[in-house]
C-alpha atoms as a PDB file:
ATOM      1  CA  HIS A   1      -9.621  -9.398 116.842  1.00  0.00           C
ATOM      2  CA  PRO A   2     -12.057 -12.301 117.203  1.00  0.00           C
ATOM      3  CA  LYS A   3     -15.156  -9.717 116.988  1.00  0.00           C
ATOM      4  CA  PRO A   4     -15.129  -9.057 113.329  1.00  0.00           C
ATOM      5  CA  GLN A   5     -15.114 -12.598 112.200  1.00  0.00           C
ATOM      6  CA  HIS A   6     -17.862 -13.043 114.386  1.00  0.00           C
ATOM      7  CA  ASN A   7     -20.064 -10.455 112.754  1.00  0.00           C
ATOM      8  CA  TYR A   8     -18.849 -11.883 109.535  1.00  0.00           C
ATOM      9  CA  ASN A   9     -20.150 -15.236 110.264  1.00  0.00           C
ATOM     10  CA  LEU A  10     -23.371 -13.689 111.496  1.00  0.00           C
ATOM     11  CA  ILE A  11     -23.964 -12.002 108.392  1.00  0.00           C
ATOM     12  CA  LYS A  12     -23.149 -15.166 106.270  1.00  0.00           C
ATOM     13  CA  GLU A  13     -25.678 -17.064 108.179  1.00  0.00           C
ATOM     14  CA  VAL A  14     -28.337 -14.213 107.774  1.00  0.00           C
ATOM     15  CA  ALA A  15     -27.664 -14.170 104.118  1.00  0.00           C
ATOM     16  CA  ILE A  16     -28.202 -17.905 103.547  1.00  0.00           C
ATOM     17  CA  SER A  17     -31.023 -18.244 105.816  1.00  0.00           C
ATOM     18  CA  TYR A  18     -33.032 -15.437 103.727  1.00  0.00           C
ATOM     19  CA  LYS A  19     -31.153 -16.699 100.199  1.00  0.00           C
ATOM     20  CA  PRO A  20     -34.635 -19.074  99.769  1.00  0.00           C
ATOM     21  CA  SER A  21     -36.897 -16.170 100.151  1.00  0.00           C
ATOM     22  CA  ILE A  22     -34.956 -13.990  98.132  1.00  0.00           C
ATOM     23  CA  ASP A  23     -34.732 -16.873  95.657  1.00  0.00           C
ATOM     24  CA  LYS A  24     -38.655 -16.924  95.582  1.00  0.00           C
ATOM     25  CA  LEU A  25     -39.182 -13.257  95.446  1.00  0.00           C
ATOM     26  CA  PHE A  26     -37.082 -12.926  92.630  1.00  0.00           C
ATOM     27  CA  LYS A  27     -38.850 -15.985  90.761  1.00  0.00           C
ATOM     28  CA  GLN A  28     -42.198 -14.133  91.374  1.00  0.00           C
ATOM     29  CA  ALA A  29     -40.855 -11.216  90.220  1.00  0.00           C
ATOM     30  CA  ASN A  30     -39.483 -12.778  86.964  1.00  0.00           C
ATOM     31  CA  SER A  31     -42.792 -14.762  86.654  1.00  0.00           C
ATOM     32  CA  LYS A  32     -44.757 -11.371  86.468  1.00  0.00           C
ATOM     33  CA  LEU A  33     -42.175  -9.880  83.775  1.00  0.00           C
ATOM     34  CA  PRO A  34     -44.161 -11.388  80.762  1.00  0.00           C
ATOM     35  CA  MET A  35     -47.508  -9.875  82.068  1.00  0.00           C
ATOM     36  CA  ILE A  36     -45.635  -6.460  82.661  1.00  0.00           C
ATOM     37  CA  ASP A  37     -44.489  -6.682  79.002  1.00  0.00           C
ATOM     38  CA  ASP A  38     -47.751  -7.288  77.832  1.00  0.00           C
ATOM     39  CA  SER A  39     -49.155  -4.589  79.792  1.00  0.00           C
ATOM     40  CA  ILE A  40     -46.782  -2.094  78.407  1.00  0.00           C
ATOM     41  CA  ASN A  41     -47.351  -3.288  74.886  1.00  0.00           C
ATOM     42  CA  GLN A  42     -51.059  -2.950  75.503  1.00  0.00           C
ATOM     43  CA  ILE A  43     -50.485   0.619  76.714  1.00  0.00           C
ATOM     44  CA  SER A  44     -48.280   1.245  73.560  1.00  0.00           C
ATOM     45  CA  GLN A  45     -50.726  -0.103  71.034  1.00  0.00           C
ATOM     46  CA  THR A  46     -53.493   2.236  72.744  1.00  0.00           C
ATOM     47  CA  ILE A  47     -51.619   5.030  72.378  1.00  0.00           C
ATOM     48  CA  ILE A  48     -50.674   4.520  68.851  1.00  0.00           C
ATOM     49  CA  ASP A  49     -54.325   3.865  68.318  1.00  0.00           C
ATOM     50  CA  LEU A  50     -55.579   7.244  70.243  1.00  0.00           C
ATOM     51  CA  GLU A  51     -52.968   9.275  68.194  1.00  0.00           C
ATOM     52  CA  SER A  52     -54.127   7.620  64.913  1.00  0.00           C
ATOM     53  CA  LYS A  53     -58.049   8.745  66.100  1.00  0.00           C
ATOM     54  CA  PHE A  54     -56.675  12.084  66.886  1.00  0.00           C
ATOM     55  CA  LYS A  55     -55.183  12.934  63.621  1.00  0.00           C
ATOM     56  CA  GLU A  56     -58.389  11.425  61.933  1.00  0.00           C
ATOM     57  CA  ILE A  57     -60.699  13.444  64.031  1.00  0.00           C
ATOM     58  CA  ARG A  58     -58.294  16.660  63.603  1.00  0.00           C
ATOM     59  CA  ASN A  59     -58.557  16.028  59.568  1.00  0.00           C
ATOM     60  CA  GLU A  60     -62.199  15.625  59.925  1.00  0.00           C
ATOM     61  CA  ILE A  61     -62.769  18.742  61.557  1.00  0.00           C
ATOM     62  CA  GLU A  62     -60.304  20.566  59.218  1.00  0.00           C
ATOM     63  CA  ASN A  63     -62.022  19.231  56.000  1.00  0.00           C
ATOM     64  CA  GLU A  64     -65.785  20.001  57.638  1.00  0.00           C
ATOM     65  CA  SER A  65     -64.289  23.550  58.592  1.00  0.00           C
ATOM     66  CA  LYS A  66     -63.125  24.101  55.257  1.00  0.00           C
ATOM     67  CA  LYS A  67     -66.645  22.969  53.762  1.00  0.00           C
ATOM     68  CA  LEU A  68     -68.531  25.258  55.820  1.00  0.00           C
ATOM     69  CA  ILE A  69     -66.303  28.175  55.241  1.00  0.00           C
ATOM     70  CA  GLN A  70     -66.773  27.464  51.745  1.00  0.00           C
ATOM     71  CA  SER A  71     -70.524  27.137  51.878  1.00  0.00           C
ATOM     72  CA  ILE A  72     -70.473  30.260  53.782  1.00  0.00           C
ATOM     73  CA  LYS A  73     -68.810  31.937  50.979  1.00  0.00           C
ATOM     74  CA  GLU A  74     -71.019  30.686  48.447  1.00  0.00           C
ATOM     75  CA  ARG A  75     -74.088  31.881  50.099  1.00  0.00           C
ATOM     76  CA  GLU A  76     -72.732  35.274  50.825  1.00  0.00           C
ATOM     77  CA  LYS A  77     -72.021  35.472  47.070  1.00  0.00           C
ATOM     78  CA  ARG A  78     -75.634  34.564  46.448  1.00  0.00           C
ATOM     79  CA  LEU A  79     -76.944  36.915  48.902  1.00  0.00           C
ATOM     80  CA  PHE A  80     -74.900  39.711  47.326  1.00  0.00           C
ATOM     81  CA  GLU A  81     -76.035  38.754  43.892  1.00  0.00           C
ATOM     82  CA  GLN A  82     -79.751  38.642  45.088  1.00  0.00           C
ATOM     83  CA  LEU A  83     -79.207  42.281  46.642  1.00  0.00           C
ATOM     84  CA  LYS A  84     -77.642  43.607  43.414  1.00  0.00           C
ATOM     85  CA  GLU A  85     -80.667  42.272  41.672  1.00  0.00           C
ATOM     86  CA  ILE A  86     -83.256  43.942  43.911  1.00  0.00           C
ATOM     87  CA  LYS A  87     -81.394  47.307  44.051  1.00  0.00           C
ATOM     88  CA  GLU A  88     -81.268  47.024  40.118  1.00  0.00           C
ATOM     89  CA  GLN A  89     -85.274  46.294  40.245  1.00  0.00           C
ATOM     90  CA  LYS A  90     -85.563  49.268  42.212  1.00  0.00           C
ATOM     91  CA  LYS A  91     -83.694  51.313  40.145  1.00  0.00           C
ATOM     92  CA  ILE A  92     -85.701  50.106  36.974  1.00  0.00           C
ATOM     93  CA  LYS A  93     -88.858  50.391  38.751  1.00  0.00           C
ATOM     94  CA  LEU A  94     -87.891  54.036  39.746  1.00  0.00           C
ATOM     95  CA  GLU A  95     -87.043  55.033  36.560  1.00  0.00           C
ATOM     96  CA  ASN A  96     -90.269  53.604  35.177  1.00  0.00           C
ATOM     97  CA  GLN A  97     -91.857  55.650  37.708  1.00  0.00           C
ATOM     98  CA  LEU A  98     -90.216  58.793  36.880  1.00  0.00           C
ATOM     99  CA  ASN A  99     -90.684  58.078  33.065  1.00  0.00           C
ATOM    100  CA  LEU A 100     -94.497  58.174  33.929  1.00  0.00           C
ATOM    101  CA  PHE A 101     -94.389  61.709  34.958  1.00  0.00           C
ATOM    102  CA  GLN A 102     -92.118  63.211  31.920  1.00  0.00           C
END
């Protein structure tokens, strides 16, 4: 069976002839690894920064919402007190008018 030996030699020759090209591609890929690592690190840091900013914004919104709610409650309380005063003044005025007729 001389044919399998012939195929083996052909494969070996092709592999040997492509080895410099494969080595060159491997070296190019390895030379780009540090840049890829840097890019991954930059992306990771950007994600961390964005998460931090998101938390900061969320906390700010929560705090401002609490302040707004408190302000609305205080305003509502003042308006209610003013309404009570107006009602009391009208009551006193009405009583005074009634007393005039007695």
